Structures are given as structure tokens and as C-alpha cells.
């Protein structure tokens, strides 16, 4: 018997809950894992998580909407977040932002058509003494220059081909 995508997602969530736990403290780690695998957290997924953890769906949605690293909209395989604090601004953030927009051909808050890259702002990455700072998924880059952007994106493109963790179909769940 073939499972539908929703049934498969529910089964995966049950397995994750078996590993992480069923209490309220499991909510954030569970959401982080879903975000990592599917590049977003759908309304359906939030409902299933609420049901499985026996909490109200509004609680799950409020956590997803509160944390900037969790998203309801599909994100790219590589989420690039450029710090927009005053110190990064003074260190040349605008030049880096322009280079990212030019190289990716998207604006902030957008994802490339191929699903490889999403471009977002970060309010603070905690690297004020080493700005401009940029986060690509979980990897931090400091003292980023427009010239360094090319190499960072090339490395991501190379990794995407060798280590794609989810197909476009998975990202739509």
C-alpha cells in the first residue's frame, strides 16, 4: 500500500516525536527538524504537530511565526541571512546586499526559481565586531565583502549538486 504524502509526513512526525519526546518542550526541536528537512512548515504540518503533542494549533503557529528561522513559506536549500545592524551597515553591508541581489537575481524575502537560495535579513547575528556578517543555513561568514560573495555562492552551488537533502516535491508538503 502506498502512503500519500500527508500520511508519510504524519509517520515521519511520529518517528521524530518518538526520538524527541511528546511534551511541550519537544515543540521547537520538532519544528526545527521539519524546517531543515522540508525548507518550510506547512499549515497541515503545524496541525499534525499540535494533534500529536496535544496542544492547540494556535500555539504551534505562534512559535513558527515568532522565530525568524522558522517559516511557513517554502525556503531555498540555502537560506542566506545578512545582518542588518548598524555596525554591519557601517562595515559595508549595503555593498554585500547589492552583490547578493545581483548574483542571485532576487530581492530580500525571495527565493530563486530553482529553489536553491532564499535571501533574508537577520536582525543580529552576534558578530558585531566582525561585520558585515552573513549566515548561510547554520554557517556564519564574517567580514563579508562583495568579492567573497562569489566564492560563498559557488561553494553552495557545488554542495547543492552533491548533497541536496530534499527534492522540490518534498518541499511542497
C-alpha atoms as a PDB file:
ATOM      1  CA  UNK A   1       0.000   0.000   0.000  1.00  0.00           C
ATOM      2  CA  UNK A   2       1.393   3.390  -0.985  1.00  0.00           C
ATOM      3  CA  UNK A   3       1.214   6.179   1.544  1.00  0.00           C
ATOM      4  CA  UNK A   4       0.059   9.604   0.486  1.00  0.00           C
ATOM      5  CA  UNK A   5       2.439  12.497   1.101  1.00  0.00           C
ATOM      6  CA  UNK A   6       0.408  13.593   4.112  1.00  0.00           C
ATOM      7  CA  UNK A   7       0.368  10.088   5.580  1.00  0.00           C
ATOM      8  CA  UNK A   8       4.120   9.844   5.043  1.00  0.00           C
ATOM      9  CA  UNK A   9       4.629  13.202   6.766  1.00  0.00           C
ATOM     10  CA  UNK A  10       2.488  12.076   9.722  1.00  0.00           C
ATOM     11  CA  UNK A  11       4.552   8.881  10.013  1.00  0.00           C
ATOM     12  CA  UNK A  12       7.802  10.865   9.938  1.00  0.00           C
ATOM     13  CA  UNK A  13       6.480  13.200  12.619  1.00  0.00           C
ATOM     14  CA  UNK A  14       5.527  10.229  14.790  1.00  0.00           C
ATOM     15  CA  UNK A  15       9.072   8.873  14.455  1.00  0.00           C
ATOM     16  CA  UNK A  16      10.558  12.261  15.349  1.00  0.00           C
ATOM     17  CA  UNK A  17       8.317  12.552  18.384  1.00  0.00           C
ATOM     18  CA  UNK A  18       9.497   9.105  19.420  1.00  0.00           C
ATOM     19  CA  UNK A  19      13.064  10.440  19.372  1.00  0.00           C
ATOM     20  CA  UNK A  20      12.495  13.950  20.726  1.00  0.00           C
ATOM     21  CA  UNK A  21       9.559  13.471  23.101  1.00  0.00           C
ATOM     22  CA  UNK A  22       5.867  14.216  23.380  1.00  0.00           C
ATOM     23  CA  UNK A  23       5.805  17.088  25.848  1.00  0.00           C
ATOM     24  CA  UNK A  24       5.630  20.825  25.122  1.00  0.00           C
ATOM     25  CA  UNK A  25       9.437  21.142  25.251  1.00  0.00           C
ATOM     26  CA  UNK A  26       9.622  18.988  22.094  1.00  0.00           C
ATOM     27  CA  UNK A  27       7.812  21.625  20.017  1.00  0.00           C
ATOM     28  CA  UNK A  28      10.765  23.793  18.989  1.00  0.00           C
ATOM     29  CA  UNK A  29      13.192  20.922  18.200  1.00  0.00           C
ATOM     30  CA  UNK A  30      10.447  19.229  16.209  1.00  0.00           C
ATOM     31  CA  UNK A  31       9.730  22.392  14.221  1.00  0.00           C
ATOM     32  CA  UNK A  32      13.437  22.924  13.589  1.00  0.00           C
ATOM     33  CA  UNK A  33      13.766  19.416  12.187  1.00  0.00           C
ATOM     34  CA  UNK A  34      10.747  19.881   9.914  1.00  0.00           C
ATOM     35  CA  UNK A  35      12.161  23.223   8.705  1.00  0.00           C
ATOM     36  CA  UNK A  36      15.526  21.595   7.998  1.00  0.00           C
ATOM     37  CA  UNK A  37      14.035  18.742   6.009  1.00  0.00           C
ATOM     38  CA  UNK A  38      11.201  20.433   4.128  1.00  0.00           C
ATOM     39  CA  UNK A  39      12.525  24.027   3.951  1.00  0.00           C
ATOM     40  CA  UNK A  40       9.270  25.292   5.498  1.00  0.00           C
ATOM     41  CA  UNK A  41       6.493  24.316   7.909  1.00  0.00           C
ATOM     42  CA  UNK A  42       3.101  23.972   6.251  1.00  0.00           C
ATOM     43  CA  UNK A  43      -0.273  24.633   7.882  1.00  0.00           C
ATOM     44  CA  UNK A  44      -1.002  20.910   7.653  1.00  0.00           C
ATOM     45  CA  UNK A  45       2.249  20.053   9.401  1.00  0.00           C
ATOM     46  CA  UNK A  46       1.500  22.540  12.197  1.00  0.00           C
ATOM     47  CA  UNK A  47      -1.919  20.925  12.691  1.00  0.00           C
ATOM     48  CA  UNK A  48      -0.449  17.419  12.866  1.00  0.00           C
ATOM     49  CA  UNK A  49       2.211  18.533  15.350  1.00  0.00           C
ATOM     50  CA  UNK A  50      -0.456  20.180  17.503  1.00  0.00           C
ATOM     51  CA  UNK A  51      -2.527  16.986  17.444  1.00  0.00           C
ATOM     52  CA  UNK A  52       0.417  14.749  18.273  1.00  0.00           C
ATOM     53  CA  UNK A  53       1.658  16.978  21.117  1.00  0.00           C
ATOM     54  CA  UNK A  54      -1.903  17.592  22.357  1.00  0.00           C
ATOM     55  CA  UNK A  55      -1.593  21.376  22.189  1.00  0.00           C
ATOM     56  CA  UNK A  56      -3.676  23.996  20.435  1.00  0.00           C
ATOM     57  CA  UNK A  57      -2.718  24.684  16.784  1.00  0.00           C
ATOM     58  CA  UNK A  58      -2.505  28.410  17.583  1.00  0.00           C
ATOM     59  CA  UNK A  59       0.389  27.656  19.948  1.00  0.00           C
ATOM     60  CA  UNK A  60       2.295  25.901  17.180  1.00  0.00           C
ATOM     61  CA  UNK A  61       1.574  28.693  14.708  1.00  0.00           C
ATOM     62  CA  UNK A  62       2.666  31.342  17.220  1.00  0.00           C
ATOM     63  CA  UNK A  63       6.047  29.638  17.653  1.00  0.00           C
ATOM     64  CA  UNK A  64       6.522  29.366  13.880  1.00  0.00           C
ATOM     65  CA  UNK A  65       5.591  32.996  13.332  1.00  0.00           C
ATOM     66  CA  UNK A  66       7.719  34.252  16.251  1.00  0.00           C
ATOM     67  CA  UNK A  67      11.054  32.692  15.280  1.00  0.00           C
ATOM     68  CA  UNK A  68      12.602  34.177  12.149  1.00  0.00           C
ATOM     69  CA  UNK A  69      14.409  30.908  11.403  1.00  0.00           C
ATOM     70  CA  UNK A  70      11.118  29.051  11.029  1.00  0.00           C
ATOM     71  CA  UNK A  71       8.979  29.813   8.028  1.00  0.00           C
ATOM     72  CA  UNK A  72       5.589  28.922   6.602  1.00  0.00           C
ATOM     73  CA  UNK A  73       6.650  29.849   3.096  1.00  0.00           C
ATOM     74  CA  UNK A  74       8.939  27.450   1.248  1.00  0.00           C
ATOM     75  CA  UNK A  75      12.604  28.404   1.577  1.00  0.00           C
ATOM     76  CA  UNK A  76      15.539  27.531  -0.618  1.00  0.00           C
ATOM     77  CA  UNK A  77      18.029  24.788   0.115  1.00  0.00           C
ATOM     78  CA  UNK A  78      20.399  27.559   1.229  1.00  0.00           C
ATOM     79  CA  UNK A  79      18.895  30.339   3.313  1.00  0.00           C
ATOM     80  CA  UNK A  80      21.179  33.353   3.292  1.00  0.00           C
ATOM     81  CA  UNK A  81      20.629  35.872   6.087  1.00  0.00           C
ATOM     82  CA  UNK A  82      22.550  39.129   6.010  1.00  0.00           C
ATOM     83  CA  UNK A  83      22.865  41.014   9.276  1.00  0.00           C
ATOM     84  CA  UNK A  84      21.305  44.470   9.135  1.00  0.00           C
ATOM     85  CA  UNK A  85      22.529  46.000  12.381  1.00  0.00           C
ATOM     86  CA  UNK A  86      24.071  49.468  12.471  1.00  0.00           C
ATOM     87  CA  UNK A  87      27.566  48.024  12.911  1.00  0.00           C
ATOM     88  CA  UNK A  88      27.245  45.796   9.838  1.00  0.00           C
ATOM     89  CA  UNK A  89      25.794  48.774   7.995  1.00  0.00           C
ATOM     90  CA  UNK A  90      28.881  50.830   8.818  1.00  0.00           C
ATOM     91  CA  UNK A  91      31.127  47.923   7.759  1.00  0.00           C
ATOM     92  CA  UNK A  92      29.708  47.787   4.225  1.00  0.00           C
ATOM     93  CA  UNK A  93      26.544  45.713   4.436  1.00  0.00           C
ATOM     94  CA  UNK A  94      24.880  47.626   1.586  1.00  0.00           C
ATOM     95  CA  UNK A  95      27.628  46.616  -0.873  1.00  0.00           C
ATOM     96  CA  UNK A  96      27.274  42.959   0.155  1.00  0.00           C
ATOM     97  CA  UNK A  97      23.479  43.161  -0.144  1.00  0.00           C
ATOM     98  CA  UNK A  98      23.760  44.616  -3.647  1.00  0.00           C
ATOM     99  CA  UNK A  99      26.164  41.837  -4.671  1.00  0.00           C
ATOM    100  CA  UNK A 100      23.826  39.150  -3.314  1.00  0.00           C
ATOM    101  CA  UNK A 101      20.852  40.639  -5.177  1.00  0.00           C
ATOM    102  CA  UNK A 102      22.887  40.868  -8.395  1.00  0.00           C
ATOM    103  CA  UNK A 103      24.375  37.366  -8.181  1.00  0.00           C
ATOM    104  CA  UNK A 104      21.135  35.636  -7.165  1.00  0.00           C
ATOM    105  CA  UNK A 105      18.845  37.875  -9.228  1.00  0.00           C
ATOM    106  CA  UNK A 106      16.320  38.045  -6.390  1.00  0.00           C
ATOM    107  CA  UNK A 107      15.495  40.528  -3.672  1.00  0.00           C
ATOM    108  CA  UNK A 108      15.429  40.056   0.070  1.00  0.00           C
ATOM    109  CA  UNK A 109      12.442  37.961   1.110  1.00  0.00           C
ATOM    110  CA  UNK A 110      12.552  35.959  -2.132  1.00  0.00           C
ATOM    111  CA  UNK A 111      13.686  32.510  -3.291  1.00  0.00           C
ATOM    112  CA  UNK A 112      15.387  31.690  -6.579  1.00  0.00           C
ATOM    113  CA  UNK A 113      13.143  29.915  -9.128  1.00  0.00           C
ATOM    114  CA  UNK A 114      15.277  26.749  -8.879  1.00  0.00           C
ATOM    115  CA  UNK A 115      14.708  26.583  -5.114  1.00  0.00           C
ATOM    116  CA  UNK A 116      18.412  26.723  -4.272  1.00  0.00           C
ATOM    117  CA  UNK A 117      18.624  30.074  -2.473  1.00  0.00           C
ATOM    118  CA  UNK A 118      16.462  32.265  -0.271  1.00  0.00           C
ATOM    119  CA  UNK A 119      17.636  35.712   0.711  1.00  0.00           C
ATOM    120  CA  UNK A 120      16.584  37.294   4.009  1.00  0.00           C
ATOM    121  CA  UNK A 121      17.689  39.839   6.552  1.00  0.00           C
ATOM    122  CA  UNK A 122      18.734  38.981  10.101  1.00  0.00           C
ATOM    123  CA  UNK A 123      18.303  41.482  12.889  1.00  0.00           C
ATOM    124  CA  UNK A 124      21.539  40.456  14.605  1.00  0.00           C
ATOM    125  CA  UNK A 125      23.937  37.563  14.197  1.00  0.00           C
ATOM    126  CA  UNK A 126      26.022  38.464  17.247  1.00  0.00           C
ATOM    127  CA  UNK A 127      29.136  39.212  15.221  1.00  0.00           C
ATOM    128  CA  UNK A 128      29.131  42.993  15.515  1.00  0.00           C
ATOM    129  CA  UNK A 129      32.913  43.188  15.793  1.00  0.00           C
ATOM    130  CA  UNK A 130      33.361  41.182  12.558  1.00  0.00           C
ATOM    131  CA  UNK A 131      30.794  42.664  10.204  1.00  0.00           C
ATOM    132  CA  UNK A 132      29.332  42.526   7.768  1.00  0.00           C
ATOM    133  CA  UNK A 133      28.126  39.137   8.941  1.00  0.00           C
ATOM    134  CA  UNK A 134      26.125  36.615   6.951  1.00  0.00           C
ATOM    135  CA  UNK A 135      24.574  33.282   7.868  1.00  0.00           C
ATOM    136  CA  UNK A 136      24.103  30.537   5.277  1.00  0.00           C
ATOM    137  CA  UNK A 137      21.932  27.875   6.879  1.00  0.00           C
ATOM    138  CA  UNK A 138      23.932  27.252  10.085  1.00  0.00           C
ATOM    139  CA  UNK A 139      27.292  28.520   8.844  1.00  0.00           C
ATOM    140  CA  UNK A 140      28.409  32.041   9.745  1.00  0.00           C
ATOM    141  CA  UNK A 141      30.581  34.190   7.497  1.00  0.00           C
ATOM    142  CA  UNK A 142      32.247  37.331   8.837  1.00  0.00           C
ATOM    143  CA  UNK A 143      33.925  40.316   7.263  1.00  0.00           C
ATOM    144  CA  UNK A 144      31.988  39.535   4.092  1.00  0.00           C
ATOM    145  CA  UNK A 145      32.861  41.604   1.050  1.00  0.00           C
ATOM    146  CA  UNK A 146      31.209  41.686  -2.375  1.00  0.00           C
ATOM    147  CA  UNK A 147      34.190  39.700  -3.683  1.00  0.00           C
ATOM    148  CA  UNK A 148      33.683  36.978  -1.044  1.00  0.00           C
ATOM    149  CA  UNK A 149      30.021  36.602  -2.036  1.00  0.00           C
ATOM    150  CA  UNK A 150      31.011  34.929  -5.335  1.00  0.00           C
ATOM    151  CA  UNK A 151      33.031  32.221  -3.563  1.00  0.00           C
ATOM    152  CA  UNK A 152      30.369  31.591  -0.922  1.00  0.00           C
ATOM    153  CA  UNK A 153      27.659  31.152  -3.557  1.00  0.00           C
ATOM    154  CA  UNK A 154      29.905  28.929  -5.691  1.00  0.00           C
ATOM    155  CA  UNK A 155      30.560  26.690  -2.683  1.00  0.00           C
ATOM    156  CA  UNK A 156      26.813  26.442  -2.026  1.00  0.00           C
ATOM    157  CA  UNK A 157      26.085  25.587  -5.649  1.00  0.00           C
ATOM    158  CA  UNK A 158      28.715  22.860  -5.554  1.00  0.00           C
ATOM    159  CA  UNK A 159      27.288  21.444  -2.321  1.00  0.00           C
ATOM    160  CA  UNK A 160      23.734  21.588  -3.680  1.00  0.00           C
ATOM    161  CA  UNK A 161      24.572  19.227  -6.502  1.00  0.00           C
ATOM    162  CA  UNK A 162      26.357  16.750  -4.247  1.00  0.00           C
ATOM    163  CA  UNK A 163      24.251  16.930  -1.084  1.00  0.00           C
ATOM    164  CA  UNK A 164      20.715  18.001  -1.927  1.00  0.00           C
ATOM    165  CA  UNK A 165      18.709  16.889   1.108  1.00  0.00           C
ATOM    166  CA  UNK A 166      15.241  17.372  -0.243  1.00  0.00           C
ATOM    167  CA  UNK A 167      13.600  17.296  -3.601  1.00  0.00           C
ATOM    168  CA  UNK A 168      11.286  20.075  -4.800  1.00  0.00           C
ATOM    169  CA  UNK A 169       8.409  17.664  -4.207  1.00  0.00           C
ATOM    170  CA  UNK A 170       9.357  17.227  -0.523  1.00  0.00           C
ATOM    171  CA  UNK A 171       9.463  20.985  -0.060  1.00  0.00           C
ATOM    172  CA  UNK A 172       5.798  21.269  -1.028  1.00  0.00           C
ATOM    173  CA  UNK A 173       4.416  19.226   1.886  1.00  0.00           C
END
